[in-house]
Amino acid sequence: PGKRETWLFSRFSTGWSCGLHADWTELTNCVPSVVDNKKEVR
């Protein structure tokens, strides 16, 4: 609400951002970089 950020990371909201049927390891490594790619690390 009131932001341009997503609250859900799934195939139906972000597409196949981490690959087709990504497993736990792939999601753990991929999600932070995809969701926060525009933000500085701090």
ModelCIF file with pLDDT and N, C-alpha, C, O atoms, coordinates in Angstrom:
data_MODEL
#
_entry.id   MODEL 
#
_entity.id                         1 
_entity.type                       polymer 
_entity.pdbx_number_of_molecules   1 
#
_entity_poly.entity_id                      1 
_entity_poly.type                           'polypeptide(L)' 
_entity_poly.nstd_linkage                   no 
_entity_poly.nstd_monomer                   no 
_entity_poly.pdbx_seq_one_letter_code       PGKRETWLFSRFSTGWSCGLHADWTELTNCVPSVVDNKKEVR 
_entity_poly.pdbx_seq_one_letter_code_can   PGKRETWLFSRFSTGWSCGLHADWTELTNCVPSVVDNKKEVR 
_entity_poly.pdbx_strand_id                 A 
#
loop_
_entity_poly_seq.entity_id 
_entity_poly_seq.num 
_entity_poly_seq.mon_id 
_entity_poly_seq.hetero 
1 1  PRO n 
1 2  GLY n 
1 3  LYS n 
1 4  ARG n 
1 5  GLU n 
1 6  THR n 
1 7  TRP n 
1 8  LEU n 
1 9  PHE n 
1 10 SER n 
1 11 ARG n 
1 12 PHE n 
1 13 SER n 
1 14 THR n 
1 15 GLY n 
1 16 TRP n 
1 17 SER n 
1 18 CYS n 
1 19 GLY n 
1 20 LEU n 
1 21 HIS n 
1 22 ALA n 
1 23 ASP n 
1 24 TRP n 
1 25 THR n 
1 26 GLU n 
1 27 LEU n 
1 28 THR n 
1 29 ASN n 
1 30 CYS n 
1 31 VAL n 
1 32 PRO n 
1 33 SER n 
1 34 VAL n 
1 35 VAL n 
1 36 ASP n 
1 37 ASN n 
1 38 LYS n 
1 39 LYS n 
1 40 GLU n 
1 41 VAL n 
1 42 ARG n 
#
_struct_asym.id          A 
_struct_asym.entity_id   1 
#
loop_
_ma_qa_metric.id 
_ma_qa_metric.mode 
_ma_qa_metric.name 
_ma_qa_metric.software_group_id 
_ma_qa_metric.type 
1 global pLDDT . pLDDT 
2 local  pLDDT . pLDDT 
#
_ma_qa_metric_global.metric_id      1 
_ma_qa_metric_global.metric_value   83.67 
_ma_qa_metric_global.model_id       1 
_ma_qa_metric_global.ordinal_id     1 
#
loop_
_ma_qa_metric_local.label_asym_id 
_ma_qa_metric_local.label_comp_id 
_ma_qa_metric_local.label_seq_id 
_ma_qa_metric_local.metric_id 
_ma_qa_metric_local.metric_value 
_ma_qa_metric_local.model_id 
_ma_qa_metric_local.ordinal_id 
A PRO 1  2 90.00 1 1  
A GLY 2  2 88.00 1 2  
A LYS 3  2 88.00 1 3  
A ARG 4  2 86.00 1 4  
A GLU 5  2 87.00 1 5  
A THR 6  2 88.00 1 6  
A TRP 7  2 91.00 1 7  
A LEU 8  2 91.00 1 8  
A PHE 9  2 91.00 1 9  
A SER 10 2 91.00 1 10 
A ARG 11 2 90.00 1 11 
A PHE 12 2 90.00 1 12 
A SER 13 2 89.00 1 13 
A THR 14 2 88.00 1 14 
A GLY 15 2 88.00 1 15 
A TRP 16 2 88.00 1 16 
A SER 17 2 89.00 1 17 
A CYS 18 2 90.00 1 18 
A GLY 19 2 87.00 1 19 
A LEU 20 2 84.00 1 20 
A HIS 21 2 82.00 1 21 
A ALA 22 2 88.00 1 22 
A ASP 23 2 88.00 1 23 
A TRP 24 2 87.00 1 24 
A THR 25 2 87.00 1 25 
A GLU 26 2 89.00 1 26 
A LEU 27 2 90.00 1 27 
A THR 28 2 87.00 1 28 
A ASN 29 2 87.00 1 29 
A CYS 30 2 90.00 1 30 
A VAL 31 2 89.00 1 31 
A PRO 32 2 85.00 1 32 
A SER 33 2 83.00 1 33 
A VAL 34 2 85.00 1 34 
A VAL 35 2 81.00 1 35 
A ASP 36 2 76.00 1 36 
A ASN 37 2 73.00 1 37 
A LYS 38 2 58.00 1 38 
A LYS 39 2 60.00 1 39 
A GLU 40 2 59.00 1 40 
A VAL 41 2 56.00 1 41 
A ARG 42 2 60.00 1 42 
#
loop_
_atom_site.group_PDB 
_atom_site.id 
_atom_site.type_symbol 
_atom_site.label_atom_id 
_atom_site.label_alt_id 
_atom_site.label_comp_id 
_atom_site.label_asym_id 
_atom_site.label_entity_id 
_atom_site.label_seq_id 
_atom_site.pdbx_PDB_ins_code 
_atom_site.Cartn_x 
_atom_site.Cartn_y 
_atom_site.Cartn_z 
_atom_site.occupancy 
_atom_site.B_iso_or_equiv 
_atom_site.pdbx_formal_charge 
_atom_site.auth_seq_id 
_atom_site.auth_comp_id 
_atom_site.auth_asym_id 
_atom_site.auth_atom_id 
_atom_site.pdbx_PDB_model_num 
ATOM 1   N N  . PRO A 1 1  ? 0.829  -1.215  0.000   1.00 90.00 ? 1  PRO A N  1 
ATOM 2   C CA . PRO A 1 1  ? 0.000  0.000   0.000   1.00 90.00 ? 1  PRO A CA 1 
ATOM 3   C C  . PRO A 1 1  ? 0.866  1.269   0.000   1.00 90.00 ? 1  PRO A C  1 
ATOM 4   O O  . PRO A 1 1  ? 1.686  1.467   0.896   1.00 90.00 ? 1  PRO A O  1 
ATOM 5   N N  . GLY A 1 2  ? 0.676  2.113   -1.000  1.00 88.00 ? 2  GLY A N  1 
ATOM 6   C CA . GLY A 1 2  ? 1.391  3.379   -1.096  1.00 88.00 ? 2  GLY A CA 1 
ATOM 7   C C  . GLY A 1 2  ? 2.828  3.268   -1.565  1.00 88.00 ? 2  GLY A C  1 
ATOM 8   O O  . GLY A 1 2  ? 3.545  4.268   -1.540  1.00 88.00 ? 2  GLY A O  1 
ATOM 9   N N  . LYS A 1 3  ? 3.283  2.096   -1.991  1.00 88.00 ? 3  LYS A N  1 
ATOM 10  C CA . LYS A 1 3  ? 4.668  1.906   -2.440  1.00 88.00 ? 3  LYS A CA 1 
ATOM 11  C C  . LYS A 1 3  ? 4.675  1.175   -3.771  1.00 88.00 ? 3  LYS A C  1 
ATOM 12  O O  . LYS A 1 3  ? 3.677  0.573   -4.170  1.00 88.00 ? 3  LYS A O  1 
ATOM 13  N N  . ARG A 1 4  ? 5.794  1.233   -4.440  1.00 86.00 ? 4  ARG A N  1 
ATOM 14  C CA . ARG A 1 4  ? 5.966  0.511   -5.701  1.00 86.00 ? 4  ARG A CA 1 
ATOM 15  C C  . ARG A 1 4  ? 6.829  -0.731  -5.493  1.00 86.00 ? 4  ARG A C  1 
ATOM 16  O O  . ARG A 1 4  ? 7.531  -1.162  -6.408  1.00 86.00 ? 4  ARG A O  1 
ATOM 17  N N  . GLU A 1 5  ? 6.776  -1.308  -4.285  1.00 87.00 ? 5  GLU A N  1 
ATOM 18  C CA . GLU A 1 5  ? 7.515  -2.522  -3.963  1.00 87.00 ? 5  GLU A CA 1 
ATOM 19  C C  . GLU A 1 5  ? 6.551  -3.690  -3.886  1.00 87.00 ? 5  GLU A C  1 
ATOM 20  O O  . GLU A 1 5  ? 5.383  -3.521  -3.539  1.00 87.00 ? 5  GLU A O  1 
ATOM 21  N N  . THR A 1 6  ? 7.041  -4.868  -4.208  1.00 88.00 ? 6  THR A N  1 
ATOM 22  C CA . THR A 1 6  ? 6.205  -6.062  -4.118  1.00 88.00 ? 6  THR A CA 1 
ATOM 23  C C  . THR A 1 6  ? 6.339  -6.697  -2.735  1.00 88.00 ? 6  THR A C  1 
ATOM 24  O O  . THR A 1 6  ? 7.390  -6.622  -2.098  1.00 88.00 ? 6  THR A O  1 
ATOM 25  N N  . TRP A 1 7  ? 5.262  -7.314  -2.292  1.00 91.00 ? 7  TRP A N  1 
ATOM 26  C CA . TRP A 1 7  ? 5.272  -8.040  -1.011  1.00 91.00 ? 7  TRP A CA 1 
ATOM 27  C C  . TRP A 1 7  ? 5.302  -9.547  -1.234  1.00 91.00 ? 7  TRP A C  1 
ATOM 28  O O  . TRP A 1 7  ? 5.459  -10.314 -0.285  1.00 91.00 ? 7  TRP A O  1 
ATOM 29  N N  . LEU A 1 8  ? 5.149  -9.980  -2.507  1.00 91.00 ? 8  LEU A N  1 
ATOM 30  C CA . LEU A 1 8  ? 5.089  -11.401 -2.844  1.00 91.00 ? 8  LEU A CA 1 
ATOM 31  C C  . LEU A 1 8  ? 6.098  -11.718 -3.924  1.00 91.00 ? 8  LEU A C  1 
ATOM 32  O O  . LEU A 1 8  ? 6.130  -11.062 -4.965  1.00 91.00 ? 8  LEU A O  1 
ATOM 33  N N  . PHE A 1 9  ? 6.913  -12.711 -3.682  1.00 91.00 ? 9  PHE A N  1 
ATOM 34  C CA . PHE A 1 9  ? 7.874  -13.173 -4.678  1.00 91.00 ? 9  PHE A CA 1 
ATOM 35  C C  . PHE A 1 9  ? 7.416  -14.544 -5.134  1.00 91.00 ? 9  PHE A C  1 
ATOM 36  O O  . PHE A 1 9  ? 7.640  -15.540 -4.446  1.00 91.00 ? 9  PHE A O  1 
ATOM 37  N N  . SER A 1 10 ? 6.781  -14.598 -6.283  1.00 91.00 ? 10 SER A N  1 
ATOM 38  C CA . SER A 1 10 ? 6.303  -15.866 -6.824  1.00 91.00 ? 10 SER A CA 1 
ATOM 39  C C  . SER A 1 10 ? 6.293  -15.791 -8.336  1.00 91.00 ? 10 SER A C  1 
ATOM 40  O O  . SER A 1 10 ? 6.504  -14.728 -8.920  1.00 91.00 ? 10 SER A O  1 
ATOM 41  N N  . ARG A 1 11 ? 6.054  -16.896 -8.946  1.00 90.00 ? 11 ARG A N  1 
ATOM 42  C CA . ARG A 1 11 ? 5.967  -16.976 -10.404 1.00 90.00 ? 11 ARG A CA 1 
ATOM 43  C C  . ARG A 1 11 ? 4.882  -16.054 -10.948 1.00 90.00 ? 11 ARG A C  1 
ATOM 44  O O  . ARG A 1 11 ? 5.028  -15.491 -12.033 1.00 90.00 ? 11 ARG A O  1 
ATOM 45  N N  . PHE A 1 12 ? 3.788  -15.897 -10.191 1.00 90.00 ? 12 PHE A N  1 
ATOM 46  C CA . PHE A 1 12 ? 2.663  -15.111 -10.672 1.00 90.00 ? 12 PHE A CA 1 
ATOM 47  C C  . PHE A 1 12 ? 2.785  -13.625 -10.360 1.00 90.00 ? 12 PHE A C  1 
ATOM 48  O O  . PHE A 1 12 ? 1.955  -12.835 -10.811 1.00 90.00 ? 12 PHE A O  1 
ATOM 49  N N  . SER A 1 13 ? 3.813  -13.223 -9.590  1.00 89.00 ? 13 SER A N  1 
ATOM 50  C CA . SER A 1 13 ? 3.987  -11.801 -9.305  1.00 89.00 ? 13 SER A CA 1 
ATOM 51  C C  . SER A 1 13 ? 5.290  -11.244 -9.884  1.00 89.00 ? 13 SER A C  1 
ATOM 52  O O  . SER A 1 13 ? 5.325  -10.099 -10.336 1.00 89.00 ? 13 SER A O  1 
ATOM 53  N N  . THR A 1 14 ? 6.348  -12.036 -9.873  1.00 88.00 ? 14 THR A N  1 
ATOM 54  C CA . THR A 1 14 ? 7.630  -11.558 -10.395 1.00 88.00 ? 14 THR A CA 1 
ATOM 55  C C  . THR A 1 14 ? 8.100  -12.355 -11.599 1.00 88.00 ? 14 THR A C  1 
ATOM 56  O O  . THR A 1 14 ? 9.159  -12.062 -12.156 1.00 88.00 ? 14 THR A O  1 
ATOM 57  N N  . GLY A 1 15 ? 7.339  -13.349 -12.008 1.00 88.00 ? 15 GLY A N  1 
ATOM 58  C CA . GLY A 1 15 ? 7.748  -14.183 -13.136 1.00 88.00 ? 15 GLY A CA 1 
ATOM 59  C C  . GLY A 1 15 ? 8.791  -15.203 -12.706 1.00 88.00 ? 15 GLY A C  1 
ATOM 60  O O  . GLY A 1 15 ? 8.902  -15.543 -11.528 1.00 88.00 ? 15 GLY A O  1 
ATOM 61  N N  . TRP A 1 16 ? 9.542  -15.677 -13.666 1.00 88.00 ? 16 TRP A N  1 
ATOM 62  C CA . TRP A 1 16 ? 10.565 -16.697 -13.397 1.00 88.00 ? 16 TRP A CA 1 
ATOM 63  C C  . TRP A 1 16 ? 11.898 -16.023 -13.110 1.00 88.00 ? 16 TRP A C  1 
ATOM 64  O O  . TRP A 1 16 ? 12.902 -16.361 -13.737 1.00 88.00 ? 16 TRP A O  1 
ATOM 65  N N  . SER A 1 17 ? 11.929 -15.089 -12.187 1.00 89.00 ? 17 SER A N  1 
ATOM 66  C CA . SER A 1 17 ? 13.126 -14.295 -11.898 1.00 89.00 ? 17 SER A CA 1 
ATOM 67  C C  . SER A 1 17 ? 14.320 -15.132 -11.460 1.00 89.00 ? 17 SER A C  1 
ATOM 68  O O  . SER A 1 17 ? 15.459 -14.758 -11.738 1.00 89.00 ? 17 SER A O  1 
ATOM 69  N N  . CYS A 1 18 ? 14.096 -16.228 -10.797 1.00 90.00 ? 18 CYS A N  1 
ATOM 70  C CA . CYS A 1 18 ? 15.194 -17.078 -10.301 1.00 90.00 ? 18 CYS A CA 1 
ATOM 71  C C  . CYS A 1 18 ? 15.292 -18.384 -11.073 1.00 90.00 ? 18 CYS A C  1 
ATOM 72  O O  . CYS A 1 18 ? 15.966 -19.315 -10.633 1.00 90.00 ? 18 CYS A O  1 
ATOM 73  N N  . GLY A 1 19 ? 14.637 -18.461 -12.203 1.00 87.00 ? 19 GLY A N  1 
ATOM 74  C CA . GLY A 1 19 ? 14.698 -19.658 -13.017 1.00 87.00 ? 19 GLY A CA 1 
ATOM 75  C C  . GLY A 1 19 ? 13.439 -20.507 -12.884 1.00 87.00 ? 19 GLY A C  1 
ATOM 76  O O  . GLY A 1 19 ? 12.620 -20.304 -11.987 1.00 87.00 ? 19 GLY A O  1 
ATOM 77  N N  . LEU A 1 20 ? 13.310 -21.444 -13.783 1.00 84.00 ? 20 LEU A N  1 
ATOM 78  C CA . LEU A 1 20 ? 12.145 -22.321 -13.828 1.00 84.00 ? 20 LEU A CA 1 
ATOM 79  C C  . LEU A 1 20 ? 12.180 -23.300 -12.664 1.00 84.00 ? 20 LEU A C  1 
ATOM 80  O O  . LEU A 1 20 ? 13.143 -24.052 -12.515 1.00 84.00 ? 20 LEU A O  1 
ATOM 81  N N  . HIS A 1 21 ? 11.132 -23.299 -11.831 1.00 82.00 ? 21 HIS A N  1 
ATOM 82  C CA . HIS A 1 21 ? 11.013 -24.174 -10.656 1.00 82.00 ? 21 HIS A CA 1 
ATOM 83  C C  . HIS A 1 21 ? 12.266 -24.121 -9.772  1.00 82.00 ? 21 HIS A C  1 
ATOM 84  O O  . HIS A 1 21 ? 12.883 -25.143 -9.472  1.00 82.00 ? 21 HIS A O  1 
ATOM 85  N N  . ALA A 1 22 ? 12.617 -22.908 -9.371  1.00 88.00 ? 22 ALA A N  1 
ATOM 86  C CA . ALA A 1 22 ? 13.798 -22.725 -8.519  1.00 88.00 ? 22 ALA A CA 1 
ATOM 87  C C  . ALA A 1 22 ? 13.599 -23.447 -7.190  1.00 88.00 ? 22 ALA A C  1 
ATOM 88  O O  . ALA A 1 22 ? 12.515 -23.421 -6.609  1.00 88.00 ? 22 ALA A O  1 
ATOM 89  N N  . ASP A 1 23 ? 14.659 -24.087 -6.725  1.00 88.00 ? 23 ASP A N  1 
ATOM 90  C CA . ASP A 1 23 ? 14.571 -24.785 -5.438  1.00 88.00 ? 23 ASP A CA 1 
ATOM 91  C C  . ASP A 1 23 ? 14.996 -23.847 -4.311  1.00 88.00 ? 23 ASP A C  1 
ATOM 92  O O  . ASP A 1 23 ? 15.284 -22.674 -4.546  1.00 88.00 ? 23 ASP A O  1 
ATOM 93  N N  . TRP A 1 24 ? 15.032 -24.374 -3.078  1.00 87.00 ? 24 TRP A N  1 
ATOM 94  C CA . TRP A 1 24 ? 15.337 -23.568 -1.895  1.00 87.00 ? 24 TRP A CA 1 
ATOM 95  C C  . TRP A 1 24 ? 16.690 -22.865 -2.031  1.00 87.00 ? 24 TRP A C  1 
ATOM 96  O O  . TRP A 1 24 ? 16.798 -21.674 -1.741  1.00 87.00 ? 24 TRP A O  1 
ATOM 97  N N  . THR A 1 25 ? 17.702 -23.577 -2.463  1.00 87.00 ? 25 THR A N  1 
ATOM 98  C CA . THR A 1 25 ? 19.036 -23.003 -2.573  1.00 87.00 ? 25 THR A CA 1 
ATOM 99  C C  . THR A 1 25 ? 19.062 -21.873 -3.593  1.00 87.00 ? 25 THR A C  1 
ATOM 100 O O  . THR A 1 25 ? 19.632 -20.812 -3.340  1.00 87.00 ? 25 THR A O  1 
ATOM 101 N N  . GLU A 1 26 ? 18.448 -22.102 -4.738  1.00 89.00 ? 26 GLU A N  1 
ATOM 102 C CA . GLU A 1 26 ? 18.419 -21.068 -5.770  1.00 89.00 ? 26 GLU A CA 1 
ATOM 103 C C  . GLU A 1 26 ? 17.664 -19.836 -5.292  1.00 89.00 ? 26 GLU A C  1 
ATOM 104 O O  . GLU A 1 26 ? 18.107 -18.711 -5.524  1.00 89.00 ? 26 GLU A O  1 
ATOM 105 N N  . LEU A 1 27 ? 16.521 -20.036 -4.621  1.00 90.00 ? 27 LEU A N  1 
ATOM 106 C CA . LEU A 1 27 ? 15.753 -18.890 -4.125  1.00 90.00 ? 27 LEU A CA 1 
ATOM 107 C C  . LEU A 1 27 ? 16.514 -18.138 -3.039  1.00 90.00 ? 27 LEU A C  1 
ATOM 108 O O  . LEU A 1 27 ? 16.495 -16.907 -3.013  1.00 90.00 ? 27 LEU A O  1 
ATOM 109 N N  . THR A 1 28 ? 17.182 -18.860 -2.142  1.00 87.00 ? 28 THR A N  1 
ATOM 110 C CA . THR A 1 28 ? 17.930 -18.220 -1.071  1.00 87.00 ? 28 THR A CA 1 
ATOM 111 C C  . THR A 1 28 ? 19.015 -17.305 -1.632  1.00 87.00 ? 28 THR A C  1 
ATOM 112 O O  . THR A 1 28 ? 19.258 -16.224 -1.096  1.00 87.00 ? 28 THR A O  1 
ATOM 113 N N  . ASN A 1 29 ? 19.655 -17.730 -2.691  1.00 87.00 ? 29 ASN A N  1 
ATOM 114 C CA . ASN A 1 29 ? 20.722 -16.931 -3.297  1.00 87.00 ? 29 ASN A CA 1 
ATOM 115 C C  . ASN A 1 29 ? 20.195 -15.853 -4.228  1.00 87.00 ? 29 ASN A C  1 
ATOM 116 O O  . ASN A 1 29 ? 20.840 -14.818 -4.395  1.00 87.00 ? 29 ASN A O  1 
ATOM 117 N N  . CYS A 1 30 ? 19.059 -16.066 -4.828  1.00 90.00 ? 30 CYS A N  1 
ATOM 118 C CA . CYS A 1 30 ? 18.565 -15.191 -5.884  1.00 90.00 ? 30 CYS A CA 1 
ATOM 119 C C  . CYS A 1 30 ? 17.630 -14.086 -5.387  1.00 90.00 ? 30 CYS A C  1 
ATOM 120 O O  . CYS A 1 30 ? 17.738 -12.948 -5.844  1.00 90.00 ? 30 CYS A O  1 
ATOM 121 N N  . VAL A 1 31 ? 16.724 -14.392 -4.471  1.00 89.00 ? 31 VAL A N  1 
ATOM 122 C CA . VAL A 1 31 ? 15.664 -13.448 -4.075  1.00 89.00 ? 31 VAL A CA 1 
ATOM 123 C C  . VAL A 1 31 ? 16.207 -12.108 -3.575  1.00 89.00 ? 31 VAL A C  1 
ATOM 124 O O  . VAL A 1 31 ? 15.743 -11.072 -4.049  1.00 89.00 ? 31 VAL A O  1 
ATOM 125 N N  . PRO A 1 32 ? 17.164 -12.073 -2.646  1.00 85.00 ? 32 PRO A N  1 
ATOM 126 C CA . PRO A 1 32 ? 17.631 -10.757 -2.178  1.00 85.00 ? 32 PRO A CA 1 
ATOM 127 C C  . PRO A 1 32 ? 18.167 -9.875  -3.296  1.00 85.00 ? 32 PRO A C  1 
ATOM 128 O O  . PRO A 1 32 ? 17.908 -8.672  -3.311  1.00 85.00 ? 32 PRO A O  1 
ATOM 129 N N  . SER A 1 33 ? 18.901 -10.451 -4.221  1.00 83.00 ? 33 SER A N  1 
ATOM 130 C CA . SER A 1 33 ? 19.461 -9.645  -5.299  1.00 83.00 ? 33 SER A CA 1 
ATOM 131 C C  . SER A 1 33 ? 18.381 -9.157  -6.266  1.00 83.00 ? 33 SER A C  1 
ATOM 132 O O  . SER A 1 33 ? 18.485 -8.047  -6.788  1.00 83.00 ? 33 SER A O  1 
ATOM 133 N N  . VAL A 1 34 ? 17.358 -9.955  -6.511  1.00 85.00 ? 34 VAL A N  1 
ATOM 134 C CA . VAL A 1 34 ? 16.292 -9.539  -7.422  1.00 85.00 ? 34 VAL A CA 1 
ATOM 135 C C  . VAL A 1 34 ? 15.392 -8.488  -6.780  1.00 85.00 ? 34 VAL A C  1 
ATOM 136 O O  . VAL A 1 34 ? 15.055 -7.489  -7.415  1.00 85.00 ? 34 VAL A O  1 
ATOM 137 N N  . VAL A 1 35 ? 15.001 -8.709  -5.526  1.00 81.00 ? 35 VAL A N  1 
ATOM 138 C CA . VAL A 1 35 ? 14.074 -7.799  -4.857  1.00 81.00 ? 35 VAL A CA 1 
ATOM 139 C C  . VAL A 1 35 ? 14.739 -6.468  -4.521  1.00 81.00 ? 35 VAL A C  1 
ATOM 140 O O  . VAL A 1 35 ? 14.128 -5.410  -4.673  1.00 81.00 ? 35 VAL A O  1 
ATOM 141 N N  . ASP A 1 36 ? 15.983 -6.519  -4.067  1.00 76.00 ? 36 ASP A N  1 
ATOM 142 C CA . ASP A 1 36 ? 16.658 -5.316  -3.594  1.00 76.00 ? 36 ASP A CA 1 
ATOM 143 C C  . ASP A 1 36 ? 17.708 -4.799  -4.568  1.00 76.00 ? 36 ASP A C  1 
ATOM 144 O O  . ASP A 1 36 ? 18.636 -4.103  -4.157  1.00 76.00 ? 36 ASP A O  1 
ATOM 145 N N  . ASN A 1 37 ? 17.579 -5.126  -5.847  1.00 73.00 ? 37 ASN A N  1 
ATOM 146 C CA . ASN A 1 37 ? 18.642 -4.784  -6.794  1.00 73.00 ? 37 ASN A CA 1 
ATOM 147 C C  . ASN A 1 37 ? 18.831 -3.274  -6.966  1.00 73.00 ? 37 ASN A C  1 
ATOM 148 O O  . ASN A 1 37 ? 19.918 -2.840  -7.348  1.00 73.00 ? 37 ASN A O  1 
ATOM 149 N N  . LYS A 1 38 ? 17.833 -2.487  -6.701  1.00 58.00 ? 38 LYS A N  1 
ATOM 150 C CA . LYS A 1 38 ? 17.938 -1.048  -6.902  1.00 58.00 ? 38 LYS A CA 1 
ATOM 151 C C  . LYS A 1 38 ? 18.391 -0.314  -5.643  1.00 58.00 ? 38 LYS A C  1 
ATOM 152 O O  . LYS A 1 38 ? 18.670 0.884   -5.685  1.00 58.00 ? 38 LYS A O  1 
ATOM 153 N N  . LYS A 1 39 ? 18.464 -1.029  -4.532  1.00 60.00 ? 39 LYS A N  1 
ATOM 154 C CA . LYS A 1 39 ? 18.840 -0.394  -3.272  1.00 60.00 ? 39 LYS A CA 1 
ATOM 155 C C  . LYS A 1 39 ? 20.321 -0.594  -2.992  1.00 60.00 ? 39 LYS A C  1 
ATOM 156 O O  . LYS A 1 39 ? 20.913 -1.599  -3.386  1.00 60.00 ? 39 LYS A O  1 
ATOM 157 N N  . GLU A 1 40 ? 20.900 0.364   -2.318  1.00 59.00 ? 40 GLU A N  1 
ATOM 158 C CA . GLU A 1 40 ? 22.276 0.205   -1.869  1.00 59.00 ? 40 GLU A CA 1 
ATOM 159 C C  . GLU A 1 40 ? 22.304 -0.856  -0.782  1.00 59.00 ? 40 GLU A C  1 
ATOM 160 O O  . GLU A 1 40 ? 21.290 -1.099  -0.127  1.00 59.00 ? 40 GLU A O  1 
ATOM 161 N N  . VAL A 1 41 ? 23.427 -1.476  -0.587  1.00 56.00 ? 41 VAL A N  1 
ATOM 162 C CA . VAL A 1 41 ? 23.553 -2.560  0.386   1.00 56.00 ? 41 VAL A CA 1 
ATOM 163 C C  . VAL A 1 41 ? 23.148 -2.084  1.781   1.00 56.00 ? 41 VAL A C  1 
ATOM 164 O O  . VAL A 1 41 ? 22.476 -2.825  2.498   1.00 56.00 ? 41 VAL A O  1 
ATOM 165 N N  . ARG A 1 42 ? 23.530 -0.888  2.186   1.00 60.00 ? 42 ARG A N  1 
ATOM 166 C CA . ARG A 1 42 ? 23.216 -0.400  3.535   1.00 60.00 ? 42 ARG A CA 1 
ATOM 167 C C  . ARG A 1 42 ? 21.740 -0.100  3.718   1.00 60.00 ? 42 ARG A C  1 
ATOM 168 O O  . ARG A 1 42 ? 21.324 0.317   4.799   1.00 60.00 ? 42 ARG A O  1 
#
